[in-house]
């Protein structure tokens, strides 16, 4: 009788382990994924258009971090409307510009999920540094308009 209980318990344990291993090995069927697409050339003179083209997919058009790709991110996108609030009430324009350029480290920017925009802006501006700076300045200015009051 004891032997039968032992064999039953061993078989049940083996079945549970097999099921657990199979679930780990199987890819997630409905897990969202970030689709990487080539960068488009949004006008450098419109911070809003650049934001909608480059940032809204993750940060949302309202900047609160609820864009359509947000659920697929390993690290949730930052709520850009709280940058000033989280910096003692002063909008950290130079820090935002540094993040966009890739000169400041953040959890997402520079990862596979979120690109560093400076080099990408340079590529679509054919290396013209003045246009890259115009893009960053206008984008930083637009993000400032999104700050919570």
N, C-alpha and C. Protein backbone atom coordinates (compact mmCIF):
# COMPACT_ATOMS: atom_id res chain seq x y z
N UNK A 1 0.82 -1.19 0.00
CA UNK A 1 0.00 0.00 0.00
C UNK A 1 0.87 1.26 0.00
N UNK A 2 1.91 1.27 0.84
CA UNK A 2 2.81 2.41 0.89
C UNK A 2 3.52 2.61 -0.45
N UNK A 3 3.91 1.53 -1.07
CA UNK A 3 4.60 1.60 -2.34
C UNK A 3 3.69 2.23 -3.39
N UNK A 4 2.43 1.88 -3.40
CA UNK A 4 1.46 2.44 -4.36
C UNK A 4 1.29 3.94 -4.14
N UNK A 5 1.22 4.38 -2.88
CA UNK A 5 1.10 5.81 -2.59
C UNK A 5 2.35 6.54 -3.04
N UNK A 6 3.51 5.93 -2.81
CA UNK A 6 4.77 6.55 -3.21
C UNK A 6 4.84 6.68 -4.73
N UNK A 7 4.47 5.62 -5.44
CA UNK A 7 4.49 5.65 -6.91
C UNK A 7 3.49 6.67 -7.44
N UNK A 8 2.30 6.74 -6.85
CA UNK A 8 1.28 7.72 -7.26
C UNK A 8 1.79 9.14 -7.05
N UNK A 9 2.41 9.37 -5.90
CA UNK A 9 2.94 10.71 -5.62
C UNK A 9 4.07 11.06 -6.58
N UNK A 10 4.94 10.12 -6.90
CA UNK A 10 6.04 10.36 -7.82
C UNK A 10 5.52 10.67 -9.22
N UNK A 11 4.51 9.91 -9.66
CA UNK A 11 3.92 10.15 -10.99
C UNK A 11 3.26 11.53 -11.03
N UNK A 12 2.54 11.88 -9.99
CA UNK A 12 1.89 13.20 -9.94
C UNK A 12 2.93 14.31 -9.96
N UNK A 13 4.01 14.14 -9.21
CA UNK A 13 5.07 15.14 -9.19
C UNK A 13 5.72 15.26 -10.57
N UNK A 14 5.97 14.14 -11.22
CA UNK A 14 6.56 14.16 -12.56
C UNK A 14 5.65 14.87 -13.55
N UNK A 15 4.35 14.64 -13.43
CA UNK A 15 3.40 15.31 -14.33
C UNK A 15 3.40 16.81 -14.09
N UNK A 16 3.42 17.23 -12.84
CA UNK A 16 3.45 18.66 -12.52
C UNK A 16 4.72 19.31 -13.05
N UNK A 17 5.86 18.65 -12.86
CA UNK A 17 7.12 19.20 -13.36
C UNK A 17 7.11 19.31 -14.88
N UNK A 18 6.60 18.29 -15.55
CA UNK A 18 6.50 18.32 -17.01
C UNK A 18 5.62 19.48 -17.47
N UNK A 19 4.50 19.68 -16.82
CA UNK A 19 3.60 20.78 -17.15
C UNK A 19 4.27 22.12 -16.92
N UNK A 20 4.99 22.28 -15.81
CA UNK A 20 5.66 23.54 -15.50
C UNK A 20 6.74 23.83 -16.53
N UNK A 21 7.53 22.83 -16.90
CA UNK A 21 8.58 23.02 -17.90
C UNK A 21 7.97 23.37 -19.25
N UNK A 22 6.90 22.73 -19.63
CA UNK A 22 6.25 23.02 -20.91
C UNK A 22 5.72 24.44 -20.97
N UNK A 23 5.18 24.93 -19.86
CA UNK A 23 4.67 26.30 -19.83
C UNK A 23 5.79 27.31 -19.94
N UNK A 24 6.93 27.02 -19.33
CA UNK A 24 8.07 27.94 -19.42
C UNK A 24 8.66 27.94 -20.81
N UNK A 25 8.67 26.80 -21.47
CA UNK A 25 9.28 26.69 -22.79
C UNK A 25 8.40 27.27 -23.88
N UNK A 26 7.10 27.24 -23.69
CA UNK A 26 6.18 27.73 -24.71
C UNK A 26 6.21 29.25 -24.76
N UNK A 27 6.33 29.84 -25.96
CA UNK A 27 6.30 31.30 -26.04
C UNK A 27 4.92 31.84 -25.68
N UNK A 28 4.92 33.02 -25.13
CA UNK A 28 3.65 33.65 -24.76
C UNK A 28 2.85 33.93 -26.02
N UNK A 29 1.64 33.43 -26.06
CA UNK A 29 0.81 33.55 -27.25
C UNK A 29 0.31 34.97 -27.48
N UNK A 30 -0.12 35.65 -26.42
CA UNK A 30 -0.74 36.96 -26.58
C UNK A 30 0.10 38.10 -26.01
N UNK A 31 1.38 37.86 -25.76
CA UNK A 31 2.22 38.91 -25.19
C UNK A 31 2.43 40.00 -26.24
N UNK A 32 2.17 41.26 -25.86
CA UNK A 32 2.38 42.35 -26.82
C UNK A 32 3.87 42.53 -27.11
N UNK A 33 4.17 42.98 -28.29
CA UNK A 33 5.56 43.21 -28.68
C UNK A 33 5.69 44.59 -29.32
N UNK A 34 6.83 45.19 -29.15
CA UNK A 34 7.11 46.48 -29.76
C UNK A 34 7.56 46.23 -31.19
N UNK A 35 6.91 46.87 -32.12
CA UNK A 35 7.26 46.73 -33.53
C UNK A 35 8.21 47.86 -33.88
N UNK A 36 9.40 47.51 -34.32
CA UNK A 36 10.40 48.52 -34.68
C UNK A 36 10.22 48.87 -36.16
N UNK A 37 10.09 50.16 -36.43
CA UNK A 37 9.90 50.63 -37.80
C UNK A 37 10.94 51.72 -38.08
N UNK A 38 11.24 51.97 -39.35
CA UNK A 38 12.20 53.02 -39.68
C UNK A 38 11.68 54.40 -39.23
N UNK A 39 12.61 55.26 -38.87
CA UNK A 39 12.26 56.61 -38.43
C UNK A 39 11.74 57.42 -39.61
N UNK A 40 10.70 58.21 -39.35
CA UNK A 40 10.16 59.10 -40.38
C UNK A 40 10.76 60.48 -40.18
N UNK A 41 10.67 61.31 -41.19
CA UNK A 41 11.25 62.65 -41.11
C UNK A 41 10.17 63.67 -40.80
N UNK A 42 9.81 63.79 -39.52
CA UNK A 42 8.84 64.80 -39.09
C UNK A 42 9.52 66.18 -39.17
N UNK A 43 8.75 67.23 -39.42
CA UNK A 43 9.33 68.57 -39.55
C UNK A 43 10.08 69.00 -38.28
N UNK A 44 11.32 69.47 -38.42
CA UNK A 44 12.11 69.85 -37.25
C UNK A 44 11.60 71.10 -36.55
N UNK A 45 10.76 71.87 -37.22
CA UNK A 45 10.27 73.12 -36.63
C UNK A 45 9.00 72.94 -35.80
N UNK A 46 8.47 71.71 -35.72
CA UNK A 46 7.25 71.48 -34.96
C UNK A 46 7.50 70.44 -33.87
N UNK A 47 7.64 70.92 -32.65
CA UNK A 47 7.82 70.02 -31.52
C UNK A 47 6.65 69.07 -31.37
N UNK A 48 5.45 69.58 -31.61
CA UNK A 48 4.24 68.76 -31.47
C UNK A 48 4.23 67.62 -32.49
N UNK A 49 4.53 67.93 -33.75
CA UNK A 49 4.54 66.89 -34.78
C UNK A 49 5.62 65.85 -34.51
N UNK A 50 6.79 66.31 -34.05
CA UNK A 50 7.85 65.35 -33.72
C UNK A 50 7.42 64.49 -32.54
N UNK A 51 6.82 65.10 -31.52
CA UNK A 51 6.36 64.33 -30.37
C UNK A 51 5.37 63.25 -30.82
N UNK A 52 4.40 63.65 -31.64
CA UNK A 52 3.40 62.69 -32.11
C UNK A 52 4.01 61.59 -32.97
N UNK A 53 5.06 61.92 -33.73
CA UNK A 53 5.71 60.92 -34.58
C UNK A 53 6.66 60.02 -33.82
N UNK A 54 7.40 60.58 -32.88
CA UNK A 54 8.49 59.84 -32.24
C UNK A 54 8.19 59.38 -30.81
N UNK A 55 7.41 60.11 -30.08
CA UNK A 55 7.27 59.86 -28.64
C UNK A 55 5.92 59.28 -28.24
N UNK A 56 4.86 59.69 -28.94
CA UNK A 56 3.50 59.33 -28.53
C UNK A 56 3.21 57.84 -28.57
N UNK A 57 3.91 57.10 -29.40
CA UNK A 57 3.66 55.66 -29.48
C UNK A 57 3.91 55.00 -28.12
N UNK A 58 4.83 55.52 -27.35
CA UNK A 58 5.10 54.97 -26.01
C UNK A 58 4.51 55.86 -24.91
N UNK A 59 4.77 57.17 -25.00
CA UNK A 59 4.36 58.09 -23.95
C UNK A 59 2.91 58.54 -24.07
N UNK A 60 2.26 58.28 -25.19
CA UNK A 60 0.89 58.71 -25.41
C UNK A 60 0.86 60.15 -25.88
N UNK A 61 -0.17 60.51 -26.62
CA UNK A 61 -0.27 61.89 -27.13
C UNK A 61 -0.37 62.90 -26.00
N UNK A 62 -0.87 62.46 -24.83
CA UNK A 62 -0.97 63.35 -23.68
C UNK A 62 0.31 63.34 -22.84
N UNK A 63 1.27 62.47 -23.18
CA UNK A 63 2.55 62.42 -22.47
C UNK A 63 2.53 61.66 -21.16
N UNK A 64 1.42 61.01 -20.85
CA UNK A 64 1.27 60.37 -19.54
C UNK A 64 1.79 58.92 -19.49
N UNK A 65 2.37 58.45 -20.58
CA UNK A 65 2.95 57.11 -20.58
C UNK A 65 2.00 56.00 -20.99
N UNK A 66 0.92 56.38 -21.65
CA UNK A 66 -0.09 55.38 -22.00
C UNK A 66 -0.26 55.22 -23.51
N UNK A 67 0.84 55.28 -24.24
CA UNK A 67 0.77 55.11 -25.69
C UNK A 67 0.47 53.67 -26.06
N UNK A 68 0.16 53.41 -27.33
CA UNK A 68 -0.22 52.07 -27.75
C UNK A 68 0.87 51.02 -27.54
N UNK A 69 2.14 51.40 -27.51
CA UNK A 69 3.21 50.43 -27.31
C UNK A 69 3.59 50.27 -25.84
N UNK A 70 2.99 51.05 -24.96
CA UNK A 70 3.37 51.05 -23.54
C UNK A 70 3.23 49.68 -22.89
N UNK A 71 2.20 48.95 -23.23
CA UNK A 71 1.97 47.65 -22.59
C UNK A 71 3.03 46.62 -22.96
N UNK A 72 3.75 46.84 -24.05
CA UNK A 72 4.78 45.90 -24.47
C UNK A 72 6.16 46.24 -23.90
N UNK A 73 6.26 47.34 -23.21
CA UNK A 73 7.55 47.78 -22.69
C UNK A 73 7.93 47.02 -21.42
N UNK A 74 9.22 46.73 -21.27
CA UNK A 74 9.71 46.09 -20.06
C UNK A 74 9.65 47.06 -18.89
N UNK A 75 9.97 48.33 -19.16
CA UNK A 75 9.89 49.39 -18.17
C UNK A 75 8.80 50.35 -18.65
N UNK A 76 7.79 50.63 -17.84
CA UNK A 76 6.73 51.54 -18.29
C UNK A 76 7.29 52.91 -18.69
N UNK A 77 6.74 53.49 -19.75
CA UNK A 77 7.21 54.81 -20.17
C UNK A 77 6.96 55.85 -19.07
N UNK A 78 7.86 56.80 -18.99
CA UNK A 78 7.75 57.88 -18.01
C UNK A 78 6.54 58.75 -18.31
N UNK A 79 5.87 59.19 -17.25
CA UNK A 79 4.80 60.18 -17.39
C UNK A 79 5.49 61.52 -17.56
N UNK A 80 5.57 61.98 -18.79
CA UNK A 80 6.30 63.22 -19.09
C UNK A 80 5.61 64.46 -18.54
N UNK A 81 4.35 64.35 -18.14
CA UNK A 81 3.64 65.51 -17.60
C UNK A 81 4.08 65.84 -16.18
N UNK A 82 4.82 64.93 -15.55
CA UNK A 82 5.24 65.13 -14.16
C UNK A 82 6.71 65.50 -14.01
N UNK A 83 7.39 65.79 -15.12
CA UNK A 83 8.81 66.10 -15.04
C UNK A 83 9.09 67.32 -14.16
N UNK A 84 8.33 68.39 -14.35
CA UNK A 84 8.54 69.60 -13.54
C UNK A 84 8.18 69.32 -12.09
N UNK A 85 7.06 68.68 -11.86
CA UNK A 85 6.62 68.38 -10.50
C UNK A 85 7.66 67.54 -9.76
N UNK A 86 8.24 66.57 -10.46
CA UNK A 86 9.24 65.70 -9.85
C UNK A 86 10.61 66.37 -9.72
N UNK A 87 10.74 67.56 -10.26
CA UNK A 87 12.00 68.31 -10.18
C UNK A 87 11.81 69.59 -9.38
N UNK A 88 10.98 69.53 -8.37
CA UNK A 88 10.79 70.68 -7.49
C UNK A 88 10.04 71.83 -8.13
N UNK A 89 9.23 71.55 -9.14
CA UNK A 89 8.42 72.58 -9.78
C UNK A 89 9.09 73.27 -10.95
N UNK A 90 10.33 72.92 -11.25
CA UNK A 90 11.04 73.54 -12.37
C UNK A 90 11.25 72.49 -13.48
N UNK A 91 10.82 72.81 -14.68
CA UNK A 91 10.97 71.90 -15.81
C UNK A 91 12.46 71.70 -16.10
N UNK A 92 12.92 70.46 -16.10
CA UNK A 92 14.35 70.17 -16.30
C UNK A 92 14.74 70.09 -17.78
N UNK A 93 14.65 71.21 -18.47
CA UNK A 93 14.87 71.23 -19.92
C UNK A 93 16.22 70.65 -20.32
N UNK A 94 17.27 70.99 -19.61
CA UNK A 94 18.59 70.49 -20.01
C UNK A 94 18.69 68.98 -19.81
N UNK A 95 18.04 68.46 -18.78
CA UNK A 95 18.04 67.00 -18.58
C UNK A 95 17.23 66.31 -19.67
N UNK A 96 16.09 66.86 -20.03
CA UNK A 96 15.27 66.27 -21.08
C UNK A 96 16.06 66.25 -22.39
N UNK A 97 16.75 67.35 -22.71
CA UNK A 97 17.57 67.41 -23.92
C UNK A 97 18.68 66.37 -23.86
N UNK A 98 19.30 66.21 -22.70
CA UNK A 98 20.37 65.22 -22.56
C UNK A 98 19.86 63.80 -22.75
N UNK A 99 18.65 63.51 -22.26
CA UNK A 99 18.06 62.17 -22.45
C UNK A 99 17.80 61.93 -23.93
N UNK A 100 17.25 62.93 -24.60
CA UNK A 100 16.95 62.78 -26.03
C UNK A 100 18.25 62.56 -26.81
N UNK A 101 19.28 63.29 -26.47
CA UNK A 101 20.58 63.16 -27.15
C UNK A 101 21.28 61.86 -26.81
N UNK A 102 20.95 61.27 -25.68
CA UNK A 102 21.63 60.05 -25.25
C UNK A 102 22.77 60.34 -24.30
N UNK A 103 22.81 61.53 -23.74
CA UNK A 103 23.88 61.93 -22.84
C UNK A 103 23.52 61.72 -21.38
N UNK A 104 22.28 61.35 -21.10
CA UNK A 104 21.84 61.06 -19.73
C UNK A 104 21.25 59.66 -19.71
N UNK A 105 21.56 58.93 -18.68
CA UNK A 105 21.10 57.56 -18.57
C UNK A 105 19.71 57.52 -17.95
N UNK A 106 18.81 56.77 -18.58
CA UNK A 106 17.47 56.53 -18.03
C UNK A 106 17.19 55.05 -18.15
N UNK A 107 16.14 54.60 -17.51
CA UNK A 107 15.81 53.17 -17.51
C UNK A 107 15.49 52.65 -18.90
N UNK A 108 14.84 53.44 -19.73
CA UNK A 108 14.39 52.93 -21.03
C UNK A 108 15.18 53.46 -22.21
N UNK A 109 15.44 54.76 -22.24
CA UNK A 109 16.11 55.32 -23.41
C UNK A 109 17.46 54.67 -23.60
N UNK A 110 17.68 54.15 -24.78
CA UNK A 110 18.91 53.46 -25.09
C UNK A 110 18.78 51.95 -25.00
N UNK A 111 17.65 51.47 -24.49
CA UNK A 111 17.42 50.03 -24.45
C UNK A 111 16.85 49.60 -25.79
N UNK A 112 16.57 48.31 -25.92
CA UNK A 112 15.94 47.85 -27.15
C UNK A 112 14.53 48.40 -27.28
N UNK A 113 13.90 48.74 -26.14
CA UNK A 113 12.54 49.27 -26.18
C UNK A 113 12.51 50.71 -26.67
N UNK A 114 13.42 51.52 -26.21
CA UNK A 114 13.34 52.95 -26.49
C UNK A 114 14.66 53.46 -27.05
N UNK A 115 14.64 54.05 -28.22
CA UNK A 115 15.88 54.52 -28.83
C UNK A 115 16.40 55.81 -28.22
N UNK A 116 17.67 56.07 -28.49
CA UNK A 116 18.26 57.38 -28.20
C UNK A 116 18.04 58.18 -29.47
N UNK A 117 17.34 59.30 -29.35
CA UNK A 117 16.90 60.02 -30.55
C UNK A 117 17.98 60.86 -31.20
N UNK A 118 18.98 61.32 -30.45
CA UNK A 118 20.02 62.18 -31.02
C UNK A 118 20.65 61.60 -32.28
N UNK A 119 21.19 60.38 -32.22
CA UNK A 119 21.78 59.80 -33.44
C UNK A 119 20.76 59.59 -34.56
N UNK A 120 19.53 59.27 -34.20
CA UNK A 120 18.50 59.10 -35.23
C UNK A 120 18.17 60.44 -35.88
N UNK A 121 18.09 61.49 -35.06
CA UNK A 121 17.86 62.83 -35.62
C UNK A 121 19.02 63.22 -36.53
N UNK A 122 20.22 62.87 -36.15
CA UNK A 122 21.39 63.18 -36.97
C UNK A 122 21.31 62.45 -38.31
N UNK A 123 20.85 61.22 -38.29
CA UNK A 123 20.76 60.47 -39.55
C UNK A 123 19.72 61.05 -40.50
N UNK A 124 18.57 61.48 -39.98
CA UNK A 124 17.56 62.04 -40.89
C UNK A 124 17.85 63.49 -41.25
N UNK A 125 18.80 64.10 -40.53
CA UNK A 125 19.20 65.48 -40.84
C UNK A 125 20.51 65.49 -41.62
N UNK A 126 20.91 64.33 -42.13
CA UNK A 126 22.16 64.15 -42.86
C UNK A 126 23.36 64.76 -42.12
N UNK A 127 23.34 64.64 -40.80
CA UNK A 127 24.47 65.08 -39.99
C UNK A 127 24.54 66.58 -39.73
N UNK A 128 23.54 67.34 -40.15
CA UNK A 128 23.55 68.79 -39.93
C UNK A 128 23.22 69.06 -38.46
N UNK A 129 24.25 69.40 -37.69
CA UNK A 129 24.09 69.56 -36.25
C UNK A 129 23.09 70.66 -35.89
N UNK A 130 23.01 71.71 -36.69
CA UNK A 130 22.06 72.80 -36.40
C UNK A 130 20.62 72.28 -36.47
N UNK A 131 20.34 71.41 -37.43
CA UNK A 131 18.99 70.87 -37.54
C UNK A 131 18.71 69.88 -36.41
N UNK A 132 19.71 69.10 -36.02
CA UNK A 132 19.55 68.19 -34.88
C UNK A 132 19.22 69.00 -33.63
N UNK A 133 19.95 70.10 -33.41
CA UNK A 133 19.71 70.94 -32.25
C UNK A 133 18.33 71.58 -32.32
N UNK A 134 17.91 71.99 -33.52
CA UNK A 134 16.57 72.56 -33.68
C UNK A 134 15.51 71.53 -33.31
N UNK A 135 15.68 70.30 -33.75
CA UNK A 135 14.74 69.24 -33.42
C UNK A 135 14.65 69.04 -31.90
N UNK A 136 15.80 68.95 -31.27
CA UNK A 136 15.82 68.69 -29.82
C UNK A 136 15.23 69.87 -29.06
N UNK A 137 15.59 71.08 -29.43
CA UNK A 137 15.07 72.28 -28.77
C UNK A 137 13.55 72.35 -28.89
N UNK A 138 13.02 72.11 -30.09
CA UNK A 138 11.57 72.18 -30.29
C UNK A 138 10.84 71.05 -29.59
N UNK A 139 11.43 69.88 -29.56
CA UNK A 139 10.82 68.75 -28.86
C UNK A 139 10.82 69.00 -27.34
N UNK A 140 11.92 69.47 -26.82
CA UNK A 140 12.00 69.81 -25.38
C UNK A 140 10.97 70.90 -25.04
N UNK A 141 10.85 71.89 -25.90
CA UNK A 141 9.87 72.96 -25.68
C UNK A 141 8.44 72.45 -25.68
N UNK A 142 8.14 71.52 -26.59
CA UNK A 142 6.79 70.97 -26.62
C UNK A 142 6.50 70.14 -25.38
N UNK A 143 7.45 69.33 -24.95
CA UNK A 143 7.24 68.53 -23.75
C UNK A 143 6.99 69.44 -22.54
N UNK A 144 7.62 70.59 -22.53
CA UNK A 144 7.37 71.55 -21.44
C UNK A 144 5.90 71.98 -21.39
N UNK A 145 5.25 72.08 -22.57
CA UNK A 145 3.85 72.49 -22.60
C UNK A 145 2.92 71.42 -22.02
N UNK A 146 3.41 70.20 -21.90
CA UNK A 146 2.61 69.09 -21.39
C UNK A 146 2.62 69.00 -19.84
N UNK A 147 3.43 69.82 -19.20
CA UNK A 147 3.60 69.73 -17.76
C UNK A 147 2.30 69.99 -17.01
N UNK A 148 2.07 69.16 -16.00
CA UNK A 148 0.87 69.31 -15.16
C UNK A 148 0.94 70.64 -14.44
N UNK A 149 -0.19 71.29 -14.36
CA UNK A 149 -0.25 72.61 -13.70
C UNK A 149 -0.63 72.42 -12.26
